[in-house]
Every structure is written in structure tokens, then in C-alpha cells.
């Protein structure tokens, strides 16, 4: 547009600006965890294109990315199950302590139960 203004007799160079060059950054290194995580979170083709850098979606990274959410669900389920089992173990140990007192249930107070 500066050239057009200069050709028509205006001072187009007054509007000319020098833009600093941005160093090209690699989107993400192939076969890295960051790339696989980005691909797993991608909901649109544009996001997937940015995550792959325009690469093929038939790479191993794509298959790992589709498996990642399933693994996260399994991990969460196992962690919840572990917490539940730990809580049950604590209750079991508390119950055993009460039974080891060898007192009849009617004589136990609320604090002892």
C-alpha cells in the first residue's frame, strides 16, 4: 500500500514500518509427550493441524493421543478405588480394636464405637 501511495504522488514512505522477524519455532517435536497431549486435547481439525504441524494423522502419535483419555479415565478409577480400599482398611482396623476389648456391645459408649 505504501508503494501505491508513492506512485500516486503521496508520501507513502511515512507509513512504512519495519516488522521484526519472528524466529520460526518448531511446533512440537514428534513423538514427545507434549505433542501427544496436545493431539489428545484437540477438538477441531484446526487444533489437530496446529498440534501436528500439518503432519500426517496416521503417525504413532495420533494413536497414542486417542488412547490417552482412556488411560486417564482408568487411572482415575484405580486411584478412587485405592482411596476407597484405604478408607475401608482404616475402618476395619478401628473395628478390630473395638472387638479386642471383649466387652458386650450394650456396655460400649458412643466414644468407644
PDB file of N, CA and C in Angstrom:
ATOM      1  N   UNK A   1       0.826  -1.192   0.000  1.00  0.00           N
ATOM      2  CA  UNK A   1       0.000   0.000   0.000  1.00  0.00           C
ATOM      3  C   UNK A   1       0.869   1.254   0.000  1.00  0.00           C
ATOM      4  N   UNK A   2       2.054   1.190   0.612  1.00  0.00           N
ATOM      5  CA  UNK A   2       2.974   2.333   0.591  1.00  0.00           C
ATOM      6  C   UNK A   2       3.441   2.606  -0.831  1.00  0.00           C
ATOM      7  N   UNK A   3       3.695   1.552  -1.583  1.00  0.00           N
ATOM      8  CA  UNK A   3       4.108   1.706  -2.975  1.00  0.00           C
ATOM      9  C   UNK A   3       3.012   2.382  -3.792  1.00  0.00           C
ATOM     10  N   UNK A   4       1.765   1.986  -3.566  1.00  0.00           N
ATOM     11  CA  UNK A   4       0.628   2.565  -4.281  1.00  0.00           C
ATOM     12  C   UNK A   4       0.509   4.057  -3.985  1.00  0.00           C
ATOM     13  N   UNK A   5       0.659   4.425  -2.714  1.00  0.00           N
ATOM     14  CA  UNK A   5       0.583   5.845  -2.350  1.00  0.00           C
ATOM     15  C   UNK A   5       1.727   6.638  -2.980  1.00  0.00           C
ATOM     16  N   UNK A   6       2.929   6.080  -2.998  1.00  0.00           N
ATOM     17  CA  UNK A   6       4.077   6.765  -3.592  1.00  0.00           C
ATOM     18  C   UNK A   6       3.878   6.948  -5.092  1.00  0.00           C
ATOM     19  N   UNK A   7       3.305   5.960  -5.764  1.00  0.00           N
ATOM     20  CA  UNK A   7       3.062   6.039  -7.199  1.00  0.00           C
ATOM     21  C   UNK A   7       2.028   7.105  -7.539  1.00  0.00           C
ATOM     22  N   UNK A   8       1.132   7.389  -6.621  1.00  0.00           N
ATOM     23  CA  UNK A   8       0.084   8.389  -6.867  1.00  0.00           C
ATOM     24  C   UNK A   8       0.442   9.759  -6.307  1.00  0.00           C
ATOM     25  N   UNK A   9       1.707   9.968  -5.962  1.00  0.00           N
ATOM     26  CA  UNK A   9       2.161  11.285  -5.568  1.00  0.00           C
ATOM     27  C   UNK A   9       2.129  11.576  -4.083  1.00  0.00           C
ATOM     28  N   UNK A  10       1.784  10.647  -3.271  1.00  0.00           N
ATOM     29  CA  UNK A  10       1.747  10.855  -1.824  1.00  0.00           C
ATOM     30  C   UNK A  10       3.045  10.360  -1.199  1.00  0.00           C
ATOM     31  N   UNK A  11       3.247  10.725   0.066  1.00  0.00           N
ATOM     32  CA  UNK A  11       4.436  10.264   0.790  1.00  0.00           C
ATOM     33  C   UNK A  11       4.110   8.932   1.464  1.00  0.00           C
ATOM     34  N   UNK A  12       4.186   7.860   0.700  1.00  0.00           N
ATOM     35  CA  UNK A  12       3.863   6.533   1.210  1.00  0.00           C
ATOM     36  C   UNK A  12       4.894   5.996   2.169  1.00  0.00           C
ATOM     37  N   UNK A  13       6.124   6.503   2.080  1.00  0.00           N
ATOM     38  CA  UNK A  13       7.178   6.020   2.970  1.00  0.00           C
ATOM     39  C   UNK A  13       6.957   6.449   4.421  1.00  0.00           C
ATOM     40  N   UNK A  14       6.110   7.448   4.637  1.00  0.00           N
ATOM     41  CA  UNK A  14       5.811   7.884   6.004  1.00  0.00           C
ATOM     42  C   UNK A  14       5.037   6.804   6.765  1.00  0.00           C
ATOM     43  N   UNK A  15       4.343   5.991   6.026  1.00  0.00           N
ATOM     44  CA  UNK A  15       3.548   4.932   6.653  1.00  0.00           C
ATOM     45  C   UNK A  15       4.284   3.598   6.718  1.00  0.00           C
ATOM     46  N   UNK A  16       5.469   3.552   6.114  1.00  0.00           N
ATOM     47  CA  UNK A  16       6.204   2.301   6.058  1.00  0.00           C
ATOM     48  C   UNK A  16       6.762   1.942   7.434  1.00  0.00           C
ATOM     49  N   UNK A  17       6.588   0.703   7.818  1.00  0.00           N
ATOM     50  CA  UNK A  17       7.036   0.214   9.112  1.00  0.00           C
ATOM     51  C   UNK A  17       7.864  -1.044   8.873  1.00  0.00           C
ATOM     52  N   UNK A  18       8.932  -1.181   9.636  1.00  0.00           N
ATOM     53  CA  UNK A  18       9.739  -2.388   9.531  1.00  0.00           C
ATOM     54  C   UNK A  18       9.291  -3.356  10.620  1.00  0.00           C
ATOM     55  N   UNK A  19       8.927  -4.532  10.209  1.00  0.00           N
ATOM     56  CA  UNK A  19       8.433  -5.546  11.133  1.00  0.00           C
ATOM     57  C   UNK A  19       9.594  -6.463  11.516  1.00  0.00           C
ATOM     58  N   UNK A  20       9.724  -6.693  12.791  1.00  0.00           N
ATOM     59  CA  UNK A  20      10.790  -7.576  13.269  1.00  0.00           C
ATOM     60  C   UNK A  20      10.450  -9.012  12.895  1.00  0.00           C
ATOM     61  N   UNK A  21      11.437  -9.732  12.413  1.00  0.00           N
ATOM     62  CA  UNK A  21      11.221 -11.115  12.033  1.00  0.00           C
ATOM     63  C   UNK A  21      11.114 -11.979  13.283  1.00  0.00           C
ATOM     64  N   UNK A  22      10.178 -12.891  13.237  1.00  0.00           N
ATOM     65  CA  UNK A  22       9.990 -13.835  14.335  1.00  0.00           C
ATOM     66  C   UNK A  22      10.691 -15.122  13.946  1.00  0.00           C
ATOM     67  N   UNK A  23      11.516 -15.604  14.844  1.00  0.00           N
ATOM     68  CA  UNK A  23      12.227 -16.847  14.581  1.00  0.00           C
ATOM     69  C   UNK A  23      11.221 -17.984  14.535  1.00  0.00           C
ATOM     70  N   UNK A  24      11.297 -18.791  13.495  1.00  0.00           N
ATOM     71  CA  UNK A  24      10.400 -19.936  13.381  1.00  0.00           C
ATOM     72  C   UNK A  24      10.664 -20.914  14.502  1.00  0.00           C
ATOM     73  N   UNK A  25       9.594 -21.260  15.174  1.00  0.00           N
ATOM     74  CA  UNK A  25       9.704 -22.227  16.258  1.00  0.00           C
ATOM     75  C   UNK A  25       9.113 -23.544  15.798  1.00  0.00           C
ATOM     76  N   UNK A  26       9.713 -24.598  16.217  1.00  0.00           N
ATOM     77  CA  UNK A  26       9.142 -25.899  15.923  1.00  0.00           C
ATOM     78  C   UNK A  26       7.860 -26.024  16.727  1.00  0.00           C
ATOM     79  N   UNK A  27       6.831 -26.472  16.059  1.00  0.00           N
ATOM     80  CA  UNK A  27       5.544 -26.582  16.745  1.00  0.00           C
ATOM     81  C   UNK A  27       5.721 -27.458  17.968  1.00  0.00           C
ATOM     82  N   UNK A  28       6.031 -28.692  17.751  1.00  0.00           N
ATOM     83  CA  UNK A  28       6.351 -29.607  18.843  1.00  0.00           C
ATOM     84  C   UNK A  28       7.115 -30.768  18.238  1.00  0.00           C
ATOM     85  N   UNK A  29       8.061 -31.261  18.954  1.00  0.00           N
ATOM     86  CA  UNK A  29       8.910 -32.346  18.470  1.00  0.00           C
ATOM     87  C   UNK A  29       8.069 -33.620  18.329  1.00  0.00           C
ATOM     88  N   UNK A  30       8.176 -34.322  17.205  1.00  0.00           N
ATOM     89  CA  UNK A  30       7.429 -35.573  17.050  1.00  0.00           C
ATOM     90  C   UNK A  30       7.780 -36.583  18.135  1.00  0.00           C
ATOM     91  N   UNK A  31       6.811 -37.384  18.476  1.00  0.00           N
ATOM     92  CA  UNK A  31       6.939 -38.464  19.466  1.00  0.00           C
ATOM     93  C   UNK A  31       7.220 -37.936  20.877  1.00  0.00           C
ATOM     94  N   UNK A  32       6.857 -36.693  21.156  1.00  0.00           N
ATOM     95  CA  UNK A  32       7.043 -36.148  22.502  1.00  0.00           C
ATOM     96  C   UNK A  32       5.726 -36.195  23.262  1.00  0.00           C
ATOM     97  N   UNK A  33       5.814 -36.163  24.560  1.00  0.00           N
ATOM     98  CA  UNK A  33       4.602 -36.208  25.389  1.00  0.00           C
ATOM     99  C   UNK A  33       3.749 -34.967  25.200  1.00  0.00           C
ATOM    100  N   UNK A  34       4.394 -33.818  24.987  1.00  0.00           N
ATOM    101  CA  UNK A  34       3.647 -32.573  24.803  1.00  0.00           C
ATOM    102  C   UNK A  34       2.793 -32.643  23.546  1.00  0.00           C
ATOM    103  N   UNK A  35       3.371 -33.174  22.474  1.00  0.00           N
ATOM    104  CA  UNK A  35       2.631 -33.278  21.211  1.00  0.00           C
ATOM    105  C   UNK A  35       1.471 -34.254  21.367  1.00  0.00           C
ATOM    106  N   UNK A  36       1.702 -35.375  22.007  1.00  0.00           N
ATOM    107  CA  UNK A  36       0.643 -36.367  22.197  1.00  0.00           C
ATOM    108  C   UNK A  36      -0.483 -35.781  23.044  1.00  0.00           C
ATOM    109  N   UNK A  37      -0.118 -35.021  24.088  1.00  0.00           N
ATOM    110  CA  UNK A  37      -1.135 -34.396  24.940  1.00  0.00           C
ATOM    111  C   UNK A  37      -1.938 -33.362  24.159  1.00  0.00           C
ATOM    112  N   UNK A  38      -1.280 -32.565  23.322  1.00  0.00           N
ATOM    113  CA  UNK A  38      -1.998 -31.583  22.512  1.00  0.00           C
ATOM    114  C   UNK A  38      -2.932 -32.263  21.527  1.00  0.00           C
ATOM    115  N   UNK A  39      -2.471 -33.333  20.930  1.00  0.00           N
ATOM    116  CA  UNK A  39      -3.313 -34.054  19.985  1.00  0.00           C
ATOM    117  C   UNK A  39      -4.511 -34.687  20.693  1.00  0.00           C
ATOM    118  N   UNK A  40      -4.319 -35.132  21.910  1.00  0.00           N
ATOM    119  CA  UNK A  40      -5.419 -35.740  22.664  1.00  0.00           C
ATOM    120  C   UNK A  40      -6.471 -34.702  23.030  1.00  0.00           C
ATOM    121  N   UNK A  41      -6.047 -33.461  23.272  1.00  0.00           N
ATOM    122  CA  UNK A  41      -6.978 -32.402  23.658  1.00  0.00           C
ATOM    123  C   UNK A  41      -7.613 -31.715  22.464  1.00  0.00           C
ATOM    124  N   UNK A  42      -7.127 -31.963  21.255  1.00  0.00           N
ATOM    125  CA  UNK A  42      -7.631 -31.293  20.057  1.00  0.00           C
ATOM    126  C   UNK A  42      -9.064 -31.713  19.782  1.00  0.00           C
ATOM    127  N   UNK A  43      -9.925 -30.722  19.595  1.00  0.00           N
ATOM    128  CA  UNK A  43     -11.337 -30.987  19.320  1.00  0.00           C
ATOM    129  C   UNK A  43     -11.692 -30.694  17.860  1.00  0.00           C
ATOM    130  N   UNK A  44     -10.929 -29.837  17.211  1.00  0.00           N
ATOM    131  CA  UNK A  44     -11.232 -29.449  15.832  1.00  0.00           C
ATOM    132  C   UNK A  44     -10.062 -29.804  14.931  1.00  0.00           C
ATOM    133  N   UNK A  45     -10.314 -29.749  13.633  1.00  0.00           N
ATOM    134  CA  UNK A  45      -9.250 -30.030  12.676  1.00  0.00           C
ATOM    135  C   UNK A  45      -8.150 -28.984  12.760  1.00  0.00           C
ATOM    136  N   UNK A  46      -8.516 -27.742  13.041  1.00  0.00           N
ATOM    137  CA  UNK A  46      -7.520 -26.684  13.167  1.00  0.00           C
ATOM    138  C   UNK A  46      -6.579 -26.926  14.334  1.00  0.00           C
ATOM    139  N   UNK A  47      -7.135 -27.338  15.462  1.00  0.00           N
ATOM    140  CA  UNK A  47      -6.300 -27.641  16.625  1.00  0.00           C
ATOM    141  C   UNK A  47      -5.398 -28.835  16.347  1.00  0.00           C
ATOM    142  N   UNK A  48      -5.943 -29.833  15.656  1.00  0.00           N
ATOM    143  CA  UNK A  48      -5.142 -31.008  15.313  1.00  0.00           C
ATOM    144  C   UNK A  48      -4.039 -30.634  14.333  1.00  0.00           C
ATOM    145  N   UNK A  49      -4.345 -29.733  13.396  1.00  0.00           N
ATOM    146  CA  UNK A  49      -3.339 -29.276  12.441  1.00  0.00           C
ATOM    147  C   UNK A  49      -2.213 -28.548  13.167  1.00  0.00           C
ATOM    148  N   UNK A  50      -2.563 -27.706  14.125  1.00  0.00           N
ATOM    149  CA  UNK A  50      -1.537 -26.989  14.888  1.00  0.00           C
ATOM    150  C   UNK A  50      -0.704 -27.949  15.729  1.00  0.00           C
ATOM    151  N   UNK A  51      -1.333 -28.956  16.285  1.00  0.00           N
ATOM    152  CA  UNK A  51      -0.607 -29.902  17.132  1.00  0.00           C
ATOM    153  C   UNK A  51       0.356 -30.763  16.319  1.00  0.00           C
ATOM    154  N   UNK A  52      -0.040 -31.108  15.096  1.00  0.00           N
ATOM    155  CA  UNK A  52       0.809 -31.967  14.270  1.00  0.00           C
ATOM    156  C   UNK A  52       1.744 -31.167  13.386  1.00  0.00           C
ATOM    157  N   UNK A  53       1.518 -29.875  13.288  1.00  0.00           N
ATOM    158  CA  UNK A  53       2.329 -29.067  12.382  1.00  0.00           C
ATOM    159  C   UNK A  53       2.030 -29.392  10.935  1.00  0.00           C
ATOM    160  N   UNK A  54       0.822 -29.858  10.662  1.00  0.00           N
ATOM    161  CA  UNK A  54       0.438 -30.216   9.304  1.00  0.00           C
ATOM    162  C   UNK A  54       0.865 -31.613   8.912  1.00  0.00           C
ATOM    163  N   UNK A  55       1.359 -32.365   9.861  1.00  0.00           N
ATOM    164  CA  UNK A  55       1.829 -33.725   9.565  1.00  0.00           C
ATOM    165  C   UNK A  55       0.682 -34.710   9.444  1.00  0.00           C
ATOM    166  N   UNK A  56       1.033 -35.936   9.132  1.00  0.00           N
ATOM    167  CA  UNK A  56       0.044 -36.988   8.959  1.00  0.00           C
ATOM    168  C   UNK A  56      -0.570 -37.382  10.297  1.00  0.00           C
ATOM    169  N   UNK A  57      -1.848 -37.721  10.250  1.00  0.00           N
ATOM    170  CA  UNK A  57      -2.512 -38.179  11.466  1.00  0.00           C
ATOM    171  C   UNK A  57      -2.447 -39.701  11.573  1.00  0.00           C
ATOM    172  N   UNK A  58      -1.664 -40.313  10.722  1.00  0.00           N
ATOM    173  CA  UNK A  58      -1.505 -41.767  10.797  1.00  0.00           C
ATOM    174  C   UNK A  58      -0.230 -42.147  11.525  1.00  0.00           C
ATOM    175  N   UNK A  59       0.406 -41.189  12.136  1.00  0.00           N
ATOM    176  CA  UNK A  59       1.628 -41.488  12.884  1.00  0.00           C
ATOM    177  C   UNK A  59       1.273 -42.170  14.205  1.00  0.00           C
ATOM    178  N   UNK A  60       2.263 -42.727  14.846  1.00  0.00           N
ATOM    179  CA  UNK A  60       2.049 -43.388  16.138  1.00  0.00           C
ATOM    180  C   UNK A  60       1.530 -42.399  17.175  1.00  0.00           C
ATOM    181  N   UNK A  61       1.925 -41.130  17.033  1.00  0.00           N
ATOM    182  CA  UNK A  61       1.476 -40.113  17.986  1.00  0.00           C
ATOM    183  C   UNK A  61      -0.039 -40.003  18.009  1.00  0.00           C
ATOM    184  N   UNK A  62      -0.662 -40.118  16.844  1.00  0.00           N
ATOM    185  CA  UNK A  62      -2.116 -39.989  16.781  1.00  0.00           C
ATOM    186  C   UNK A  62      -2.786 -41.137  17.523  1.00  0.00           C
ATOM    187  N   UNK A  63      -2.278 -42.334  17.348  1.00  0.00           N
ATOM    188  CA  UNK A  63      -2.870 -43.489  18.029  1.00  0.00           C
ATOM    189  C   UNK A  63      -2.659 -43.405  19.538  1.00  0.00           C
ATOM    190  N   UNK A  64      -1.496 -42.906  19.944  1.00  0.00           N
ATOM    191  CA  UNK A  64      -1.247 -42.705  21.375  1.00  0.00           C
ATOM    192  C   UNK A  64      -2.162 -41.627  21.927  1.00  0.00           C
ATOM    193  N   UNK A  65      -2.414 -40.592  21.122  1.00  0.00           N
ATOM    194  CA  UNK A  65      -3.280 -39.491  21.567  1.00  0.00           C
ATOM    195  C   UNK A  65      -4.719 -39.954  21.747  1.00  0.00           C
ATOM    196  N   UNK A  66      -5.185 -40.874  20.917  1.00  0.00           N
ATOM    197  CA  UNK A  66      -6.553 -41.370  21.081  1.00  0.00           C
ATOM    198  C   UNK A  66      -6.664 -42.274  22.303  1.00  0.00           C
ATOM    199  N   UNK A  67      -5.575 -42.911  22.680  1.00  0.00           N
ATOM    200  CA  UNK A  67      -5.575 -43.805  23.839  1.00  0.00           C
ATOM    201  C   UNK A  67      -5.406 -43.047  25.152  1.00  0.00           C
ATOM    202  N   UNK A  68      -4.828 -41.855  25.107  1.00  0.00           N
ATOM    203  CA  UNK A  68      -4.505 -41.101  26.318  1.00  0.00           C
ATOM    204  C   UNK A  68      -5.719 -40.803  27.199  1.00  0.00           C
ATOM    205  N   UNK A  69      -6.843 -40.297  26.661  1.00  0.00           N
ATOM    206  CA  UNK A  69      -8.004 -40.048  27.547  1.00  0.00           C
ATOM    207  C   UNK A  69      -8.537 -41.318  28.210  1.00  0.00           C
ATOM    208  N   UNK A  70      -8.490 -42.429  27.495  1.00  0.00           N
ATOM    209  CA  UNK A  70      -8.958 -43.690  28.090  1.00  0.00           C
ATOM    210  C   UNK A  70      -8.063 -44.105  29.251  1.00  0.00           C
ATOM    211  N   UNK A  71      -6.773 -43.924  29.073  1.00  0.00           N
ATOM    212  CA  UNK A  71      -5.842 -44.269  30.148  1.00  0.00           C
ATOM    213  C   UNK A  71      -6.046 -43.375  31.362  1.00  0.00           C
ATOM    214  N   UNK A  72      -6.297 -42.089  31.098  1.00  0.00           N
ATOM    215  CA  UNK A  72      -6.529 -41.164  32.220  1.00  0.00           C
ATOM    216  C   UNK A  72      -7.766 -41.555  33.003  1.00  0.00           C
ATOM    217  N   UNK A  73      -8.817 -42.000  32.308  1.00  0.00           N
ATOM    218  CA  UNK A  73     -10.028 -42.455  32.999  1.00  0.00           C
ATOM    219  C   UNK A  73      -9.736 -43.694  33.842  1.00  0.00           C
ATOM    220  N   UNK A  74      -8.962 -44.623  33.281  1.00  0.00           N
ATOM    221  CA  UNK A  74      -8.618 -45.829  34.028  1.00  0.00           C
ATOM    222  C   UNK A  74      -7.784 -45.496  35.264  1.00  0.00           C
ATOM    223  N   UNK A  75      -6.851 -44.572  35.119  1.00  0.00           N
ATOM    224  CA  UNK A  75      -6.010 -44.176  36.245  1.00  0.00           C
ATOM    225  C   UNK A  75      -6.856 -43.547  37.338  1.00  0.00           C
ATOM    226  N   UNK A  76      -7.787 -42.658  36.943  1.00  0.00           N
ATOM    227  CA  UNK A  76      -8.653 -42.013  37.934  1.00  0.00           C
ATOM    228  C   UNK A  76      -9.507 -43.052  38.656  1.00  0.00           C
ATOM    229  N   UNK A  77     -10.038 -44.006  37.910  1.00  0.00           N
ATOM    230  CA  UNK A  77     -10.870 -45.049  38.509  1.00  0.00           C
ATOM    231  C   UNK A  77     -10.050 -45.879  39.505  1.00  0.00           C
ATOM    232  N   UNK A  78      -8.826 -46.232  39.135  1.00  0.00           N
ATOM    233  CA  UNK A  78      -7.981 -47.017  40.039  1.00  0.00           C
ATOM    234  C   UNK A  78      -7.582 -46.222  41.275  1.00  0.00           C
ATOM    235  N   UNK A  79      -7.315 -44.913  41.114  1.00  0.00           N
ATOM    236  CA  UNK A  79      -6.970 -44.078  42.268  1.00  0.00           C
ATOM    237  C   UNK A  79      -8.155 -43.956  43.222  1.00  0.00           C
ATOM    238  N   UNK A  80      -9.372 -43.789  42.665  1.00  0.00           N
ATOM    239  CA  UNK A  80     -10.568 -43.728  43.513  1.00  0.00           C
ATOM    240  C   UNK A  80     -10.771 -45.047  44.255  1.00  0.00           C
ATOM    241  N   UNK A  81     -10.560 -46.152  43.552  1.00  0.00           N
ATOM    242  CA  UNK A  81     -10.703 -47.468  44.181  1.00  0.00           C
ATOM    243  C   UNK A  81      -9.676 -47.643  45.295  1.00  0.00           C
ATOM    244  N   UNK A  82      -8.460 -47.158  45.063  1.00  0.00           N
ATOM    245  CA  UNK A  82      -7.402 -47.260  46.083  1.00  0.00           C
ATOM    246  C   UNK A  82      -7.778 -46.463  47.325  1.00  0.00           C
ATOM    247  N   UNK A  83      -8.287 -45.239  47.148  1.00  0.00           N
ATOM    248  CA  UNK A  83      -8.715 -44.424  48.294  1.00  0.00           C
ATOM    249  C   UNK A  83      -9.830 -45.121  49.060  1.00  0.00           C
ATOM    250  N   UNK A  84     -10.765 -45.713  48.324  1.00  0.00           N
ATOM    251  CA  UNK A  84     -11.871 -46.417  48.978  1.00  0.00           C
ATOM    252  C   UNK A  84     -11.343 -47.587  49.803  1.00  0.00           C
ATOM    253  N   UNK A  85     -10.419 -48.373  49.220  1.00  0.00           N
ATOM    254  CA  UNK A  85      -9.867 -49.515  49.946  1.00  0.00           C
ATOM    255  C   UNK A  85      -9.068 -49.073  51.168  1.00  0.00           C
ATOM    256  N   UNK A  86      -8.346 -47.961  51.077  1.00  0.00           N
ATOM    257  CA  UNK A  86      -7.601 -47.456  52.221  1.00  0.00           C
ATOM    258  C   UNK A  86      -8.548 -47.011  53.328  1.00  0.00           C
ATOM    259  N   UNK A  87      -9.641 -46.361  52.960  1.00  0.00           N
ATOM    260  CA  UNK A  87     -10.637 -45.960  53.970  1.00  0.00           C
ATOM    261  C   UNK A  87     -11.268 -47.180  54.628  1.00  0.00           C
ATOM    262  N   UNK A  88     -11.546 -48.206  53.842  1.00  0.00           N
ATOM    263  CA  UNK A  88     -12.128 -49.421  54.407  1.00  0.00           C
ATOM    264  C   UNK A  88     -11.139 -50.119  55.336  1.00  0.00           C
ATOM    265  N   UNK A  89      -9.857 -50.068  55.014  1.00  0.00           N
ATOM    266  CA  UNK A  89      -8.837 -50.675  55.877  1.00  0.00           C
ATOM    267  C   UNK A  89      -8.767 -49.950  57.219  1.00  0.00           C
ATOM    268  N   UNK A  90      -8.858 -48.632  57.195  1.00  0.00           N
ATOM    269  CA  UNK A  90      -8.848 -47.854  58.441  1.00  0.00           C
ATOM    270  C   UNK A  90     -10.060 -48.229  59.287  1.00  0.00           C
ATOM    271  N   UNK A  91     -11.219 -48.338  58.660  1.00  0.00           N
ATOM    272  CA  UNK A  91     -12.432 -48.720  59.407  1.00  0.00           C
ATOM    273  C   UNK A  91     -12.317 -50.128  59.965  1.00  0.00           C
ATOM    274  N   UNK A  92     -11.739 -51.028  59.178  1.00  0.00           N
ATOM    275  CA  UNK A  92     -11.565 -52.403  59.640  1.00  0.00           C
ATOM    276  C   UNK A  92     -10.663 -52.448  60.867  1.00  0.00           C
ATOM    277  N   UNK A  93      -9.572 -51.706  60.842  1.00  0.00           N
ATOM    278  CA  UNK A  93      -8.658 -51.682  61.983  1.00  0.00           C
ATOM    279  C   UNK A  93      -9.325 -51.082  63.215  1.00  0.00           C
ATOM    280  N   UNK A  94     -10.126 -50.033  63.022  1.00  0.00           N
ATOM    281  CA  UNK A  94     -10.848 -49.450  64.156  1.00  0.00           C
ATOM    282  C   UNK A  94     -11.853 -50.442  64.729  1.00  0.00           C
ATOM    283  N   UNK A  95     -12.520 -51.188  63.847  1.00  0.00           N
ATOM    284  CA  UNK A  95     -13.474 -52.199  64.302  1.00  0.00           C
ATOM    285  C   UNK A  95     -12.795 -53.323  65.070  1.00  0.00           C
ATOM    286  N   UNK A  96     -11.628 -53.714  64.616  1.00  0.00           N
ATOM    287  CA  UNK A  96     -10.884 -54.763  65.315  1.00  0.00           C
ATOM    288  C   UNK A  96     -10.477 -54.309  66.715  1.00  0.00           C
ATOM    289  N   UNK A  97     -10.092 -53.030  66.838  1.00  0.00           N
ATOM    290  CA  UNK A  97      -9.722 -52.518  68.156  1.00  0.00           C
ATOM    291  C   UNK A  97     -10.899 -52.593  69.121  1.00  0.00           C
ATOM    292  N   UNK A  98     -12.097 -52.293  68.613  1.00  0.00           N
ATOM    293  CA  UNK A  98     -13.291 -52.365  69.461  1.00  0.00           C
ATOM    294  C   UNK A  98     -13.563 -53.814  69.856  1.00  0.00           C
ATOM    295  N   UNK A  99     -13.422 -54.737  68.916  1.00  0.00           N
ATOM    296  CA  UNK A  99     -13.681 -56.149  69.212  1.00  0.00           C
ATOM    297  C   UNK A  99     -12.653 -56.742  70.173  1.00  0.00           C
ATOM    298  N   UNK A 100     -11.424 -56.223  70.135  1.00  0.00           N
ATOM    299  CA  UNK A 100     -10.371 -56.734  71.017  1.00  0.00           C
ATOM    300  C   UNK A 100     -10.616 -56.376  72.485  1.00  0.00           C
ATOM    301  N   UNK A 101     -11.500 -55.436  72.734  1.00  0.00           N
ATOM    302  CA  UNK A 101     -11.803 -55.060  74.125  1.00  0.00           C
ATOM    303  C   UNK A 101     -12.639 -56.128  74.821  1.00  0.00           C
ATOM    304  N   UNK A 102     -13.259 -57.026  74.055  1.00  0.00           N
ATOM    305  CA  UNK A 102     -14.079 -58.127  74.583  1.00  0.00           C
ATOM    306  C   UNK A 102     -15.173 -57.640  75.525  1.00  0.00           C
ATOM    307  N   UNK A 103     -15.775 -56.524  75.209  1.00  0.00           N
ATOM    308  CA  UNK A 103     -16.894 -56.014  76.005  1.00  0.00           C
ATOM    309  C   UNK A 103     -18.188 -56.300  75.242  1.00  0.00           C
ATOM    310  N   UNK A 104     -19.275 -56.500  75.962  1.00  0.00           N
ATOM    311  CA  UNK A 104     -20.552 -56.652  75.268  1.00  0.00           C
ATOM    312  C   UNK A 104     -20.939 -55.330  74.586  1.00  0.00           C
ATOM    313  N   UNK A 105     -21.629 -55.443  73.486  1.00  0.00           N
ATOM    314  CA  UNK A 105     -21.972 -54.269  72.680  1.00  0.00           C
ATOM    315  C   UNK A 105     -22.814 -53.285  73.492  1.00  0.00           C
ATOM    316  N   UNK A 106     -23.685 -53.756  74.362  1.00  0.00           N
ATOM    317  CA  UNK A 106     -24.563 -52.892  75.144  1.00  0.00           C
ATOM    318  C   UNK A 106     -23.779 -52.005  76.107  1.00  0.00           C
ATOM    319  N   UNK A 107     -22.605 -52.464  76.535  1.00  0.00           N
ATOM    320  CA  UNK A 107     -21.833 -51.686  77.518  1.00  0.00           C
ATOM    321  C   UNK A 107     -20.911 -50.668  76.859  1.00  0.00           C
ATOM    322  N   UNK A 108     -20.758 -50.699  75.558  1.00  0.00           N
ATOM    323  CA  UNK A 108     -19.874 -49.748  74.883  1.00  0.00           C
ATOM    324  C   UNK A 108     -20.567 -48.392  74.727  1.00  0.00           C
ATOM    325  N   UNK A 109     -19.824 -47.332  74.908  1.00  0.00           N
ATOM    326  CA  UNK A 109     -20.369 -45.994  74.735  1.00  0.00           C
ATOM    327  C   UNK A 109     -20.137 -45.532  73.307  1.00  0.00           C
ATOM    328  N   UNK A 110     -20.705 -44.399  72.959  1.00  0.00           N
ATOM    329  CA  UNK A 110     -20.563 -43.857  71.613  1.00  0.00           C
ATOM    330  C   UNK A 110     -19.127 -43.529  71.270  1.00  0.00           C
ATOM    331  N   UNK A 111     -18.329 -43.133  72.257  1.00  0.00           N
ATOM    332  CA  UNK A 111     -16.932 -42.809  72.000  1.00  0.00           C
ATOM    333  C   UNK A 111     -16.146 -44.073  71.675  1.00  0.00           C
ATOM    334  N   UNK A 112     -16.465 -45.155  72.340  1.00  0.00           N
ATOM    335  CA  UNK A 112     -15.745 -46.410  72.113  1.00  0.00           C
ATOM    336  C   UNK A 112     -16.101 -47.037  70.771  1.00  0.00           C
ATOM    337  N   UNK A 113     -17.275 -46.737  70.254  1.00  0.00           N
ATOM    338  CA  UNK A 113     -17.687 -47.303  68.970  1.00  0.00           C
ATOM    339  C   UNK A 113     -17.064 -46.476  67.887  1.00  0.00           C
TER     340      UNK A 113
END
